[in-house]
Amino acid sequence: MTQPAQLITPDGKKIDLSPDQYRQMKGLLDMRQRRQTTRSRVRMKAAIQAGHGMTAGGGSLTEALIQERAQERAREDAKLDWFKN
């Protein structure tokens, strides 16, 4: 015995769907999801392209990150040394 498909509305109302109605609804929802994914990829690509080259000619962000991490490790080591003594 198969269980009938149900659509639950935002209000919590349950609507029984026939197999044909279920397939139609699933197709609509799948299409909506694909459109949203495509839009988000387009927005992400646009953001990456907009940010490309923003720091060109400036200091190296990688070098700044390495220095920041080294300073952070030194602070952590100093805290640990303080606790040990």
Protein backbone atom coordinates (compact mmCIF):
# COMPACT_ATOMS: atom_id res chain seq x y z
CA MET A 1 0.00 0.00 0.00
CA THR A 2 1.40 3.35 -0.98
CA GLN A 3 0.90 6.49 1.02
CA PRO A 4 -0.66 9.43 -0.86
CA ALA A 5 1.54 12.46 -1.32
CA GLN A 6 0.67 15.48 0.76
CA LEU A 7 1.43 19.13 0.27
CA ILE A 8 1.79 21.05 3.52
CA THR A 9 1.08 24.76 3.21
CA PRO A 10 2.92 27.43 5.23
CA ASP A 11 -0.22 27.59 7.43
CA GLY A 12 0.16 23.87 8.21
CA LYS A 13 -2.81 22.77 6.12
CA LYS A 14 -2.34 19.35 4.49
CA ILE A 15 -3.54 18.78 0.93
CA ASP A 16 -3.63 15.27 -0.53
CA LEU A 17 -2.19 15.09 -4.04
CA SER A 18 -2.85 12.58 -6.77
CA PRO A 19 0.24 11.05 -8.42
CA ASP A 20 -0.18 13.38 -11.42
CA GLN A 21 -0.52 16.44 -9.20
CA TYR A 22 2.54 15.33 -7.23
CA ARG A 23 4.65 15.03 -10.39
CA GLN A 24 3.52 18.47 -11.58
CA MET A 25 4.25 20.07 -8.20
CA LYS A 26 7.64 18.35 -7.94
CA GLY A 27 8.54 19.58 -11.44
CA LEU A 28 7.64 23.15 -10.51
CA LEU A 29 9.64 23.02 -7.28
CA ASP A 30 12.65 21.42 -8.99
CA MET A 31 12.59 24.11 -11.70
CA ARG A 32 12.43 26.84 -9.05
CA GLN A 33 15.43 25.32 -7.23
CA ARG A 34 17.47 25.15 -10.46
CA ARG A 35 16.70 28.82 -11.20
CA GLN A 36 17.76 29.89 -7.69
CA THR A 37 21.00 27.90 -7.94
CA THR A 38 21.77 29.44 -11.32
CA ARG A 39 21.09 32.94 -10.01
CA SER A 40 23.29 32.43 -6.95
CA ARG A 41 26.14 31.16 -9.15
CA VAL A 42 25.79 34.21 -11.39
CA ARG A 43 25.84 36.55 -8.37
CA MET A 44 28.90 34.79 -6.91
CA LYS A 45 30.75 34.96 -10.20
CA ALA A 46 29.92 38.69 -10.50
CA ALA A 47 31.19 39.33 -6.96
CA ILE A 48 34.44 37.50 -7.67
CA GLN A 49 34.95 39.40 -10.90
CA ALA A 50 34.19 42.72 -9.17
CA GLY A 51 36.80 42.00 -6.48
CA HIS A 52 39.45 40.75 -8.90
CA GLY A 53 42.48 43.04 -8.85
CA MET A 54 41.24 45.25 -6.02
CA THR A 55 44.54 44.92 -4.16
CA ALA A 56 46.78 44.92 -7.22
CA GLY A 57 49.86 47.01 -6.60
CA GLY A 58 49.38 46.86 -2.84
CA GLY A 59 50.89 44.59 -0.22
CA SER A 60 50.58 40.84 -0.46
CA LEU A 61 47.49 39.60 1.35
CA THR A 62 49.11 36.19 1.79
CA GLU A 63 52.16 37.73 3.42
CA ALA A 64 49.93 39.81 5.70
CA LEU A 65 48.03 36.67 6.69
CA ILE A 66 51.26 34.79 7.45
CA GLN A 67 52.48 37.66 9.63
CA GLU A 68 49.16 37.87 11.44
CA ARG A 69 49.17 34.14 12.14
CA ALA A 70 52.76 34.33 13.43
CA GLN A 71 51.79 37.12 15.81
CA GLU A 72 48.77 35.14 16.96
CA ARG A 73 50.93 32.06 17.63
CA ALA A 74 53.38 34.21 19.61
CA ARG A 75 50.53 35.58 21.76
CA GLU A 76 49.22 32.05 22.37
CA ASP A 77 52.70 30.82 23.30
CA ALA A 78 53.10 33.74 25.73
CA LYS A 79 49.77 32.85 27.38
CA LEU A 80 50.77 29.20 27.68
CA ASP A 81 54.16 30.15 29.14
CA TRP A 82 52.39 32.36 31.69
CA PHE A 83 50.12 29.46 32.72
CA LYS A 84 53.04 27.02 32.96
CA ASN A 85 55.04 29.31 35.27
